[in-house]
C-alpha atoms as a PDB file:
ATOM      1  CA  MET A   1      -7.430  -2.959 -65.623  1.00  0.00           C
ATOM      2  CA  PHE A   2     -10.933  -2.098 -63.410  1.00  0.00           C
ATOM      3  CA  ARG A   3     -13.067  -2.598 -66.571  1.00  0.00           C
ATOM      4  CA  ASN A   4     -14.469  -5.910 -65.948  1.00  0.00           C
ATOM      5  CA  LEU A   5     -15.599  -5.499 -62.487  1.00  0.00           C
ATOM      6  CA  ASN A   6     -18.871  -4.610 -60.786  1.00  0.00           C
ATOM      7  CA  SER A   7     -19.387  -0.333 -61.200  1.00  0.00           C
ATOM      8  CA  ASN A   8     -20.539  -0.350 -57.209  1.00  0.00           C
ATOM      9  CA  LEU A   9     -16.502  -1.770 -56.533  1.00  0.00           C
ATOM     10  CA  GLN A  10     -14.970   0.369 -59.551  1.00  0.00           C
ATOM     11  CA  PRO A  11     -14.521   3.436 -57.594  1.00  0.00           C
ATOM     12  CA  LYS A  12     -13.536   1.382 -54.620  1.00  0.00           C
ATOM     13  CA  LEU A  13     -10.589  -0.227 -56.118  1.00  0.00           C
ATOM     14  CA  PHE A  14      -9.402   2.745 -57.895  1.00  0.00           C
ATOM     15  CA  LEU A  15      -9.145   4.655 -54.827  1.00  0.00           C
ATOM     16  CA  LEU A  16      -7.453   1.447 -52.649  1.00  0.00           C
ATOM     17  CA  PHE A  17      -4.874   1.714 -55.995  1.00  0.00           C
ATOM     18  CA  LEU A  18      -4.301   5.523 -55.499  1.00  0.00           C
ATOM     19  CA  LEU A  19      -3.757   4.955 -51.850  1.00  0.00           C
ATOM     20  CA  MET A  20      -1.111   2.550 -52.141  1.00  0.00           C
ATOM     21  CA  CYS A  21       0.557   3.911 -55.217  1.00  0.00           C
ATOM     22  CA  PHE A  22       0.739   7.225 -53.406  1.00  0.00           C
ATOM     23  CA  GLY A  23       0.621   6.263 -49.928  1.00  0.00           C
ATOM     24  CA  VAL A  24       4.164   6.604 -49.591  1.00  0.00           C
ATOM     25  CA  ALA A  25       4.080   9.861 -50.716  1.00  0.00           C
ATOM     26  CA  ARG A  26       6.118  12.894 -48.782  1.00  0.00           C
ATOM     27  CA  ALA A  27       5.568  16.685 -49.235  1.00  0.00           C
ATOM     28  CA  GLN A  28       7.958  18.073 -51.354  1.00  0.00           C
ATOM     29  CA  VAL A  29      10.948  18.833 -49.327  1.00  0.00           C
ATOM     30  CA  SER A  30      14.300  20.166 -50.282  1.00  0.00           C
ATOM     31  CA  ASN A  31      17.796  21.095 -49.297  1.00  0.00           C
ATOM     32  CA  ALA A  32      18.638  23.313 -52.224  1.00  0.00           C
ATOM     33  CA  PRO A  33      20.081  26.792 -51.152  1.00  0.00           C
ATOM     34  CA  ALA A  34      17.191  28.697 -53.442  1.00  0.00           C
ATOM     35  CA  GLY A  35      14.279  26.383 -51.760  1.00  0.00           C
ATOM     36  CA  PRO A  36      11.879  24.235 -53.067  1.00  0.00           C
ATOM     37  CA  TYR A  37       9.396  25.704 -55.858  1.00  0.00           C
ATOM     38  CA  VAL A  38       7.591  23.201 -58.080  1.00  0.00           C
ATOM     39  CA  ILE A  39       4.918  24.287 -61.372  1.00  0.00           C
ATOM     40  CA  ASN A  40       1.658  23.686 -61.474  1.00  0.00           C
ATOM     41  CA  ILE A  41       0.156  21.468 -64.768  1.00  0.00           C
ATOM     42  CA  ALA A  42      -2.447  19.573 -63.854  1.00  0.00           C
ATOM     43  CA  GLY A  43      -5.057  18.253 -60.494  1.00  0.00           C
ATOM     44  CA  ASN A  44      -7.951  17.098 -59.623  1.00  0.00           C
ATOM     45  CA  GLN A  45      -9.807  16.066 -56.912  1.00  0.00           C
ATOM     46  CA  VAL A  46     -12.649  13.217 -56.122  1.00  0.00           C
ATOM     47  CA  THR A  47     -15.239  12.794 -53.436  1.00  0.00           C
ATOM     48  CA  LYS A  48     -16.348   8.978 -52.536  1.00  0.00           C
ATOM     49  CA  GLY A  49     -18.794   8.057 -49.646  1.00  0.00           C
ATOM     50  CA  ASN A  50     -16.283   9.160 -46.122  1.00  0.00           C
ATOM     51  CA  TYR A  51     -12.900   9.714 -48.441  1.00  0.00           C
ATOM     52  CA  ALA A  52     -11.851  12.766 -50.041  1.00  0.00           C
ATOM     53  CA  ILE A  53      -8.983  13.185 -52.727  1.00  0.00           C
ATOM     54  CA  GLU A  54      -6.880  15.532 -54.033  1.00  0.00           C
ATOM     55  CA  TRP A  55      -3.833  15.419 -55.947  1.00  0.00           C
ATOM     56  CA  SER A  56      -1.585  17.847 -58.169  1.00  0.00           C
ATOM     57  CA  VAL A  57       1.199  17.297 -60.864  1.00  0.00           C
ATOM     58  CA  GLY A  58       3.282  20.217 -59.563  1.00  0.00           C
ATOM     59  CA  GLU A  59       1.975  23.642 -58.118  1.00  0.00           C
ATOM     60  CA  SER A  60       2.739  27.185 -58.288  1.00  0.00           C
ATOM     61  CA  ALA A  61       5.446  28.535 -56.209  1.00  0.00           C
ATOM     62  CA  ALA A  62       3.413  31.485 -55.816  1.00  0.00           C
ATOM     63  CA  ILE A  63       1.118  31.891 -52.693  1.00  0.00           C
ATOM     64  CA  ASN A  64      -1.622  34.374 -52.283  1.00  0.00           C
ATOM     65  CA  ILE A  65      -2.581  34.640 -48.755  1.00  0.00           C
ATOM     66  CA  MET A  66      -5.556  36.192 -47.255  1.00  0.00           C
ATOM     67  CA  ASP A  67      -6.380  36.982 -44.049  1.00  0.00           C
ATOM     68  CA  ASN A  68      -9.699  36.350 -43.302  1.00  0.00           C
ATOM     69  CA  SER A  69     -10.671  37.332 -39.564  1.00  0.00           C
ATOM     70  CA  ASP A  70      -9.312  34.562 -37.777  1.00  0.00           C
ATOM     71  CA  ARG A  71      -8.555  32.220 -40.123  1.00  0.00           C
ATOM     72  CA  TYR A  72      -6.598  32.328 -43.429  1.00  0.00           C
ATOM     73  CA  LEU A  73      -7.800  31.819 -47.218  1.00  0.00           C
ATOM     74  CA  PHE A  74      -5.044  30.678 -49.471  1.00  0.00           C
ATOM     75  CA  THR A  75      -6.245  31.762 -52.942  1.00  0.00           C
ATOM     76  CA  ASN A  76      -3.723  29.678 -55.151  1.00  0.00           C
ATOM     77  CA  GLY A  77      -0.148  28.243 -54.133  1.00  0.00           C
ATOM     78  CA  LEU A  78       1.634  25.582 -51.836  1.00  0.00           C
ATOM     79  CA  LEU A  79       2.891  26.355 -48.501  1.00  0.00           C
ATOM     80  CA  GLN A  80       6.439  24.840 -48.560  1.00  0.00           C
ATOM     81  CA  TYR A  81       8.234  22.895 -45.738  1.00  0.00           C
ATOM     82  CA  SER A  82      11.408  25.798 -45.216  1.00  0.00           C
ATOM     83  CA  VAL A  83      10.173  29.384 -46.543  1.00  0.00           C
ATOM     84  CA  GLN A  84      10.149  31.281 -43.557  1.00  0.00           C
ATOM     85  CA  ASN A  85      13.246  33.372 -44.655  1.00  0.00           C
ATOM     86  CA  GLN A  86      12.709  33.882 -48.032  1.00  0.00           C
ATOM     87  CA  THR A  87      11.984  37.611 -49.015  1.00  0.00           C
ATOM     88  CA  GLU A  88       8.814  38.724 -51.117  1.00  0.00           C
ATOM     89  CA  THR A  89       9.699  39.905 -54.501  1.00  0.00           C
ATOM     90  CA  ASN A  90       6.440  41.709 -55.832  1.00  0.00           C
ATOM     91  CA  LEU A  91       5.753  44.216 -53.323  1.00  0.00           C
ATOM     92  CA  VAL A  92       3.841  46.653 -55.750  1.00  0.00           C
ATOM     93  CA  ALA A  93       0.481  46.845 -56.434  1.00  0.00           C
ATOM     94  CA  SER A  94      -1.525  46.504 -59.590  1.00  0.00           C
ATOM     95  CA  PHE A  95      -3.917  49.129 -61.001  1.00  0.00           C
ATOM     96  CA  LEU A  96      -7.214  48.140 -60.534  1.00  0.00           C
ATOM     97  CA  THR A  97      -9.520  47.813 -63.295  1.00  0.00           C
ATOM     98  CA  ASN A  98     -11.240  51.223 -62.791  1.00  0.00           C
ATOM     99  CA  GLU A  99      -7.933  52.894 -62.615  1.00  0.00           C
ATOM    100  CA  VAL A 100      -7.123  52.174 -65.988  1.00  0.00           C
ATOM    101  CA  ARG A 101      -8.433  52.191 -69.209  1.00  0.00           C
ATOM    102  CA  VAL A 102      -6.990  50.896 -72.437  1.00  0.00           C
ATOM    103  CA  TYR A 103      -9.473  51.049 -75.402  1.00  0.00           C
ATOM    104  CA  PRO A 104     -10.184  49.862 -77.883  1.00  0.00           C
ATOM    105  CA  ASN A 105      -9.049  46.614 -78.377  1.00  0.00           C
ATOM    106  CA  PRO A 106      -8.734  45.512 -80.930  1.00  0.00           C
ATOM    107  CA  LEU A 107      -7.941  49.076 -82.565  1.00  0.00           C
ATOM    108  CA  LYS A 108      -6.968  50.080 -85.683  1.00  0.00           C
ATOM    109  CA  ASN A 109      -5.642  53.808 -85.691  1.00  0.00           C
ATOM    110  CA  GLU A 110      -6.514  55.548 -81.853  1.00  0.00           C
ATOM    111  CA  LEU A 111      -5.594  53.998 -78.555  1.00  0.00           C
ATOM    112  CA  PHE A 112      -7.413  55.697 -75.825  1.00  0.00           C
ATOM    113  CA  ILE A 113      -5.696  55.257 -72.384  1.00  0.00           C
ATOM    114  CA  ASN A 114      -7.538  56.904 -69.402  1.00  0.00           C
ATOM    115  CA  ILE A 115      -5.585  57.221 -66.151  1.00  0.00           C
ATOM    116  CA  LEU A 116      -8.153  57.425 -63.007  1.00  0.00           C
ATOM    117  CA  HIS A 117      -6.503  56.597 -60.197  1.00  0.00           C
ATOM    118  CA  ALA A 118      -5.903  58.704 -57.539  1.00  0.00           C
ATOM    119  CA  SER A 119      -2.428  59.399 -56.527  1.00  0.00           C
ATOM    120  CA  LYS A 120      -0.389  61.901 -57.914  1.00  0.00           C
ATOM    121  CA  GLY A 121       3.235  61.388 -59.290  1.00  0.00           C
ATOM    122  CA  ASN A 122       4.405  60.424 -62.565  1.00  0.00           C
ATOM    123  CA  ASP A 123       3.263  57.522 -64.936  1.00  0.00           C
ATOM    124  CA  LEU A 124       5.955  55.842 -67.454  1.00  0.00           C
ATOM    125  CA  ILE A 125       3.850  54.795 -70.743  1.00  0.00           C
ATOM    126  CA  GLU A 126       5.676  52.306 -72.807  1.00  0.00           C
ATOM    127  CA  LEU A 127       4.101  50.386 -75.614  1.00  0.00           C
ATOM    128  CA  LEU A 128       6.485  47.340 -76.651  1.00  0.00           C
ATOM    129  CA  ASP A 129       6.116  44.660 -79.780  1.00  0.00           C
ATOM    130  CA  GLU A 130       5.512  41.098 -79.369  1.00  0.00           C
ATOM    131  CA  LYS A 131       9.412  41.051 -79.212  1.00  0.00           C
ATOM    132  CA  GLY A 132       9.737  43.244 -76.118  1.00  0.00           C
ATOM    133  CA  VAL A 133      11.392  46.262 -78.399  1.00  0.00           C
ATOM    134  CA  LYS A 134      10.211  49.896 -76.872  1.00  0.00           C
ATOM    135  CA  VAL A 135       7.943  51.172 -80.016  1.00  0.00           C
ATOM    136  CA  LYS A 136       6.715  54.327 -78.221  1.00  0.00           C
ATOM    137  CA  GLU A 137       6.921  55.648 -74.403  1.00  0.00           C
ATOM    138  CA  LYS A 138       5.426  59.177 -72.914  1.00  0.00           C
ATOM    139  CA  ILE A 139       6.032  60.232 -69.008  1.00  0.00           C
ATOM    140  CA  VAL A 140       2.956  61.865 -67.877  1.00  0.00           C
ATOM    141  CA  LEU A 141       3.047  64.114 -65.142  1.00  0.00           C
ATOM    142  CA  TYR A 142      -0.443  63.187 -62.853  1.00  0.00           C
ATOM    143  CA  ASN A 143      -2.130  65.689 -61.127  1.00  0.00           C
ATOM    144  CA  GLY A 144      -4.241  62.540 -59.460  1.00  0.00           C
ATOM    145  CA  MET A 145      -7.448  64.226 -61.256  1.00  0.00           C
ATOM    146  CA  GLY A 146      -7.635  62.260 -64.346  1.00  0.00           C
ATOM    147  CA  ALA A 147      -6.066  61.907 -67.864  1.00  0.00           C
ATOM    148  CA  LEU A 148      -6.891  60.950 -70.758  1.00  0.00           C
ATOM    149  CA  GLU A 149      -3.766  59.848 -73.301  1.00  0.00           C
ATOM    150  CA  VAL A 150      -4.896  59.875 -77.047  1.00  0.00           C
ATOM    151  CA  TRP A 151      -2.113  57.733 -79.118  1.00  0.00           C
ATOM    152  CA  LYS A 152      -2.803  57.402 -82.876  1.00  0.00           C
ATOM    153  CA  LEU A 153      -1.604  53.991 -83.708  1.00  0.00           C
ATOM    154  CA  GLY A 154      -2.284  53.534 -87.056  1.00  0.00           C
ATOM    155  CA  GLY A 155       1.054  53.208 -88.847  1.00  0.00           C
ATOM    156  CA  LEU A 156       2.064  50.479 -86.882  1.00  0.00           C
ATOM    157  CA  ALA A 157       2.116  47.063 -88.379  1.00  0.00           C
ATOM    158  CA  ALA A 158      -1.265  44.473 -87.077  1.00  0.00           C
ATOM    159  CA  GLY A 159      -0.128  42.305 -84.300  1.00  0.00           C
ATOM    160  CA  GLN A 160       0.163  41.646 -80.536  1.00  0.00           C
ATOM    161  CA  TYR A 161       1.484  44.595 -78.391  1.00  0.00           C
ATOM    162  CA  PHE A 162       2.025  45.226 -74.836  1.00  0.00           C
ATOM    163  CA  LEU A 163       1.773  48.918 -72.892  1.00  0.00           C
ATOM    164  CA  ASN A 164       3.018  49.155 -69.239  1.00  0.00           C
ATOM    165  CA  ILE A 165       2.169  51.281 -67.190  1.00  0.00           C
ATOM    166  CA  ARG A 166       4.377  52.431 -64.315  1.00  0.00           C
ATOM    167  CA  HIS A 167       3.058  55.364 -61.575  1.00  0.00           C
ATOM    168  CA  THR A 168       6.159  56.611 -59.794  1.00  0.00           C
ATOM    169  CA  HIS A 169       6.183  58.803 -56.432  1.00  0.00           C
ATOM    170  CA  PRO A 170       7.073  62.411 -57.509  1.00  0.00           C
ATOM    171  CA  VAL A 171       9.628  62.957 -55.359  1.00  0.00           C
ATOM    172  CA  THR A 172      11.401  59.989 -54.604  1.00  0.00           C
ATOM    173  CA  GLY A 173      10.711  58.399 -57.792  1.00  0.00           C
ATOM    174  CA  ARG A 174       9.781  55.184 -55.825  1.00  0.00           C
ATOM    175  CA  LEU A 175       7.526  52.222 -58.109  1.00  0.00           C
ATOM    176  CA  ILE A 176       3.931  52.526 -56.470  1.00  0.00           C
ATOM    177  CA  LYS A 177       1.501  50.655 -59.144  1.00  0.00           C
ATOM    178  CA  LYS A 178       1.914  49.162 -62.255  1.00  0.00           C
ATOM    179  CA  GLY A 179       0.313  47.578 -64.879  1.00  0.00           C
ATOM    180  CA  ALA A 180       0.338  45.660 -68.172  1.00  0.00           C
ATOM    181  CA  TYR A 181      -2.523  45.365 -71.059  1.00  0.00           C
ATOM    182  CA  LYS A 182      -2.014  43.253 -74.402  1.00  0.00           C
ATOM    183  CA  ILE A 183      -3.060  45.100 -77.559  1.00  0.00           C
ATOM    184  CA  LEU A 184      -3.986  43.727 -80.491  1.00  0.00           C
ATOM    185  CA  LYS A 185      -3.606  45.974 -83.494  1.00  0.00           C
ATOM    186  CA  ILE A 186      -5.487  45.579 -86.586  1.00  0.00           C
ATOM    187  CA  ASN A 187      -5.541  47.279 -89.782  1.00  0.00           C
END
């Protein structure tokens, strides 16, 4: 459409075209009982002179907000209209990278699960195949001083597996931390 025009004029006309097409767009508003949400699949941004345009096709319904003194830093997601009464669903912390180490990956025979977090409790360790079927499970009574589990997995078929670890309080059984690790088994 703009191919035969002067190269300096092309970006301005494209910007005008975008503004005409999307200038009447409104923020997402929904009266649905579940509230508004969408999925992000694409996006970009263009800056030309004093104009900056950012767009996305959809957006993640998840929002991570980190308070940085007197301002907020939104690491992902979209603040949506009328979501003040929604409950938070993922309040369980994940293990930090230095709290649980799973190696080697890919593996042939043995899987080492090194638990290094400092919280006493019970660690439920589950190995699931790619269909979600439980292959192996163990509960580790953890004292907060480190534990090394060695699982012999040489008899398993080659493929993708998932290792789930859930750390619970020793008395109440409340979930404190969790982690999921993708494991590749080779022959």
